[in-house]
């Protein structure tokens, strides 16, 4: 697995930046700086991984909300509010 794929995979598991840096043999301060900048390929892989899992989780929460889960309905409402405030 190449470095970017590995960063994306580990970020999708919500590992910490410290853990990802260690596993990928990248200086932690360097990876943190790149993530803060949000423009490097490493940063994009990191955010892509996080978002990939976030999407999967939200799909599951939506399914539960449609099935009538009160907690999932509350969460979906919060997600909608968050989305509206970011427009």
N, C-alpha and C. Protein backbone atom coordinates (compact mmCIF):
# COMPACT_ATOMS: atom_id res chain seq x y z
N UNK A 1 0.86 -1.18 0.00
CA UNK A 1 0.00 0.00 0.00
C UNK A 1 0.90 1.24 0.00
N UNK A 2 0.62 2.17 -0.89
CA UNK A 2 1.44 3.38 -0.92
C UNK A 2 1.09 4.28 0.26
N UNK A 3 1.94 5.28 0.48
CA UNK A 3 1.80 6.14 1.65
C UNK A 3 0.45 6.84 1.71
N UNK A 4 -0.01 7.40 0.59
CA UNK A 4 -1.28 8.14 0.60
C UNK A 4 -2.46 7.22 0.89
N UNK A 5 -2.45 6.04 0.31
CA UNK A 5 -3.52 5.07 0.59
C UNK A 5 -3.52 4.66 2.05
N UNK A 6 -2.32 4.51 2.60
CA UNK A 6 -2.21 4.12 4.01
C UNK A 6 -2.71 5.23 4.93
N UNK A 7 -2.36 6.47 4.63
CA UNK A 7 -2.85 7.60 5.42
C UNK A 7 -4.38 7.65 5.35
N UNK A 8 -4.93 7.51 4.16
CA UNK A 8 -6.38 7.53 3.99
C UNK A 8 -7.04 6.41 4.78
N UNK A 9 -6.48 5.22 4.69
CA UNK A 9 -7.04 4.07 5.40
C UNK A 9 -7.00 4.27 6.91
N UNK A 10 -5.87 4.71 7.43
CA UNK A 10 -5.74 4.89 8.88
C UNK A 10 -6.63 6.03 9.38
N UNK A 11 -6.73 7.10 8.59
CA UNK A 11 -7.61 8.21 8.97
C UNK A 11 -9.07 7.77 8.96
N UNK A 12 -9.41 6.84 8.06
CA UNK A 12 -10.80 6.36 8.01
C UNK A 12 -11.17 5.57 9.25
N UNK A 13 -10.16 5.11 9.98
CA UNK A 13 -10.38 4.39 11.24
C UNK A 13 -10.32 5.34 12.43
N UNK A 14 -10.19 6.63 12.16
CA UNK A 14 -10.10 7.69 13.16
C UNK A 14 -8.90 7.52 14.08
N UNK A 15 -7.79 7.01 13.53
CA UNK A 15 -6.55 7.01 14.30
C UNK A 15 -6.09 8.45 14.46
N UNK A 16 -5.34 8.72 15.51
CA UNK A 16 -4.84 10.07 15.74
C UNK A 16 -3.74 10.40 14.75
N UNK A 17 -3.46 11.68 14.61
CA UNK A 17 -2.38 12.11 13.74
C UNK A 17 -1.06 11.50 14.22
N UNK A 18 -0.86 11.45 15.52
CA UNK A 18 0.35 10.85 16.08
C UNK A 18 0.48 9.39 15.67
N UNK A 19 -0.61 8.66 15.75
CA UNK A 19 -0.59 7.24 15.38
C UNK A 19 -0.33 7.05 13.89
N UNK A 20 -0.97 7.87 13.07
CA UNK A 20 -0.77 7.78 11.62
C UNK A 20 0.67 8.11 11.26
N UNK A 21 1.20 9.16 11.86
CA UNK A 21 2.58 9.54 11.59
C UNK A 21 3.53 8.41 11.97
N UNK A 22 3.31 7.81 13.11
CA UNK A 22 4.17 6.71 13.56
C UNK A 22 4.08 5.53 12.59
N UNK A 23 2.87 5.14 12.25
CA UNK A 23 2.66 3.99 11.37
C UNK A 23 3.22 4.21 9.97
N UNK A 24 3.20 5.45 9.51
CA UNK A 24 3.67 5.76 8.17
C UNK A 24 5.12 6.26 8.15
N UNK A 25 5.73 6.32 9.33
CA UNK A 25 7.12 6.77 9.45
C UNK A 25 7.31 8.18 8.89
N UNK A 26 6.39 9.06 9.27
CA UNK A 26 6.44 10.47 8.88
C UNK A 26 6.65 11.26 10.16
N UNK A 27 7.52 12.26 10.17
CA UNK A 27 7.64 13.08 11.37
C UNK A 27 6.27 13.69 11.73
N UNK A 28 5.90 13.52 12.99
CA UNK A 28 4.57 13.97 13.43
C UNK A 28 4.35 15.46 13.14
N UNK A 29 5.34 16.28 13.44
CA UNK A 29 5.19 17.72 13.22
C UNK A 29 4.97 18.03 11.74
N UNK A 30 5.60 17.28 10.88
CA UNK A 30 5.45 17.48 9.43
C UNK A 30 4.03 17.13 8.98
N UNK A 31 3.53 16.00 9.46
CA UNK A 31 2.18 15.59 9.08
C UNK A 31 1.15 16.57 9.64
N UNK A 32 1.33 17.00 10.88
CA UNK A 32 0.40 17.99 11.46
C UNK A 32 0.39 19.28 10.65
N UNK A 33 1.56 19.75 10.27
CA UNK A 33 1.67 20.98 9.48
C UNK A 33 0.95 20.83 8.15
N UNK A 34 1.13 19.68 7.51
CA UNK A 34 0.47 19.45 6.23
C UNK A 34 -1.05 19.38 6.38
N UNK A 35 -1.50 18.73 7.43
CA UNK A 35 -2.95 18.62 7.66
C UNK A 35 -3.55 19.99 7.94
N UNK A 36 -2.85 20.80 8.73
CA UNK A 36 -3.35 22.16 9.00
C UNK A 36 -3.44 22.98 7.71
N UNK A 37 -2.48 22.78 6.79
CA UNK A 37 -2.49 23.52 5.53
C UNK A 37 -3.56 23.06 4.56
N UNK A 38 -3.97 21.80 4.67
CA UNK A 38 -5.07 21.22 3.90
C UNK A 38 -4.85 21.16 2.38
N UNK A 39 -3.64 21.40 1.90
CA UNK A 39 -3.47 21.43 0.44
C UNK A 39 -2.57 20.33 -0.11
N UNK A 40 -1.78 19.69 0.73
CA UNK A 40 -0.87 18.67 0.22
C UNK A 40 -1.62 17.36 -0.04
N UNK A 41 -0.99 16.49 -0.79
CA UNK A 41 -1.60 15.19 -1.07
C UNK A 41 -1.81 14.39 0.22
N UNK A 42 -0.89 14.50 1.16
CA UNK A 42 -1.05 13.81 2.44
C UNK A 42 -2.28 14.33 3.19
N UNK A 43 -2.44 15.64 3.22
CA UNK A 43 -3.59 16.22 3.91
C UNK A 43 -4.89 15.80 3.23
N UNK A 44 -4.90 15.81 1.92
CA UNK A 44 -6.10 15.41 1.19
C UNK A 44 -6.44 13.95 1.45
N UNK A 45 -5.42 13.09 1.53
CA UNK A 45 -5.65 11.68 1.84
C UNK A 45 -6.22 11.54 3.24
N UNK A 46 -5.69 12.29 4.18
CA UNK A 46 -6.17 12.26 5.56
C UNK A 46 -7.65 12.65 5.64
N UNK A 47 -8.00 13.76 5.03
CA UNK A 47 -9.40 14.21 5.08
C UNK A 47 -10.32 13.30 4.28
N UNK A 48 -9.83 12.77 3.17
CA UNK A 48 -10.62 11.83 2.38
C UNK A 48 -10.97 10.60 3.22
N UNK A 49 -10.01 10.11 3.98
CA UNK A 49 -10.25 8.95 4.84
C UNK A 49 -11.27 9.24 5.92
N UNK A 50 -11.12 10.39 6.59
CA UNK A 50 -12.07 10.76 7.64
C UNK A 50 -13.48 10.90 7.07
N UNK A 51 -13.58 11.57 5.93
CA UNK A 51 -14.88 11.82 5.34
C UNK A 51 -15.52 10.53 4.85
N UNK A 52 -14.72 9.60 4.35
CA UNK A 52 -15.24 8.32 3.87
C UNK A 52 -16.01 7.61 4.99
N UNK A 53 -15.41 7.54 6.17
CA UNK A 53 -16.07 6.88 7.29
C UNK A 53 -17.25 7.70 7.79
N UNK A 54 -17.11 9.01 7.80
CA UNK A 54 -18.20 9.88 8.23
C UNK A 54 -19.43 9.67 7.34
N UNK A 55 -19.21 9.54 6.05
CA UNK A 55 -20.30 9.30 5.11
C UNK A 55 -20.97 7.96 5.41
N UNK A 56 -20.18 6.93 5.61
CA UNK A 56 -20.74 5.60 5.90
C UNK A 56 -21.55 5.63 7.20
N UNK A 57 -21.03 6.32 8.20
CA UNK A 57 -21.74 6.40 9.48
C UNK A 57 -23.06 7.17 9.32
N UNK A 58 -23.01 8.25 8.57
CA UNK A 58 -24.24 9.05 8.39
C UNK A 58 -25.29 8.28 7.60
N UNK A 59 -24.86 7.49 6.65
CA UNK A 59 -25.83 6.65 5.91
C UNK A 59 -26.52 5.68 6.88
N UNK A 60 -25.73 5.10 7.76
CA UNK A 60 -26.29 4.16 8.75
C UNK A 60 -27.26 4.89 9.69
N UNK A 61 -26.87 6.07 10.14
CA UNK A 61 -27.73 6.85 11.03
C UNK A 61 -29.02 7.23 10.30
N UNK A 62 -28.92 7.60 9.02
CA UNK A 62 -30.11 7.93 8.24
C UNK A 62 -31.03 6.72 8.14
N UNK A 63 -30.46 5.55 7.88
CA UNK A 63 -31.28 4.33 7.82
C UNK A 63 -32.01 4.09 9.13
N UNK A 64 -31.31 4.29 10.25
CA UNK A 64 -31.94 4.12 11.56
C UNK A 64 -33.03 5.17 11.78
N UNK A 65 -32.78 6.40 11.34
CA UNK A 65 -33.78 7.46 11.50
C UNK A 65 -35.03 7.14 10.69
N UNK A 66 -34.85 6.66 9.48
CA UNK A 66 -35.99 6.29 8.63
C UNK A 66 -36.78 5.16 9.28
N UNK A 67 -36.06 4.27 9.97
CA UNK A 67 -36.71 3.15 10.65
C UNK A 67 -37.38 3.57 11.96
N UNK A 68 -37.19 4.83 12.36
CA UNK A 68 -37.89 5.34 13.53
C UNK A 68 -37.07 5.51 14.79
N UNK A 69 -35.76 5.41 14.71
CA UNK A 69 -34.92 5.60 15.89
C UNK A 69 -34.93 7.07 16.31
N UNK A 70 -35.46 7.36 17.51
CA UNK A 70 -35.52 8.76 17.96
C UNK A 70 -34.13 9.42 18.03
N UNK A 71 -33.15 8.69 18.54
CA UNK A 71 -31.80 9.27 18.65
C UNK A 71 -31.22 9.57 17.27
N UNK A 72 -31.46 8.68 16.32
CA UNK A 72 -30.96 8.91 14.96
C UNK A 72 -31.67 10.08 14.30
N UNK A 73 -32.96 10.25 14.59
CA UNK A 73 -33.70 11.39 14.06
C UNK A 73 -33.12 12.70 14.60
N UNK A 74 -32.78 12.71 15.88
CA UNK A 74 -32.17 13.90 16.49
C UNK A 74 -30.83 14.19 15.83
N UNK A 75 -30.04 13.15 15.64
CA UNK A 75 -28.73 13.33 15.03
C UNK A 75 -28.84 13.85 13.61
N UNK A 76 -29.78 13.32 12.82
CA UNK A 76 -29.96 13.79 11.45
C UNK A 76 -30.40 15.25 11.43
N UNK A 77 -31.23 15.64 12.38
CA UNK A 77 -31.63 17.04 12.48
C UNK A 77 -30.43 17.93 12.79
N UNK A 78 -29.56 17.45 13.68
CA UNK A 78 -28.34 18.20 14.00
C UNK A 78 -27.42 18.31 12.78
N UNK A 79 -27.31 17.23 12.02
CA UNK A 79 -26.49 17.27 10.80
C UNK A 79 -27.06 18.27 9.80
N UNK A 80 -28.39 18.30 9.69
CA UNK A 80 -29.04 19.23 8.77
C UNK A 80 -28.78 20.68 9.20
N UNK A 81 -28.87 20.93 10.49
CA UNK A 81 -28.60 22.27 11.02
C UNK A 81 -27.16 22.66 10.75
N UNK A 82 -26.24 21.73 10.97
CA UNK A 82 -24.82 21.98 10.71
C UNK A 82 -24.60 22.30 9.23
N UNK A 83 -25.26 21.55 8.36
CA UNK A 83 -25.11 21.77 6.93
C UNK A 83 -25.64 23.15 6.55
N UNK A 84 -26.81 23.49 7.06
CA UNK A 84 -27.41 24.79 6.74
C UNK A 84 -26.54 25.95 7.21
N UNK A 85 -25.91 25.80 8.37
CA UNK A 85 -25.09 26.89 8.89
C UNK A 85 -23.78 27.04 8.11
N UNK A 86 -23.42 26.02 7.35
CA UNK A 86 -22.18 26.07 6.56
C UNK A 86 -22.42 26.55 5.13
N UNK A 87 -23.66 26.81 4.79
CA UNK A 87 -23.98 27.25 3.41
C UNK A 87 -23.68 28.72 3.22
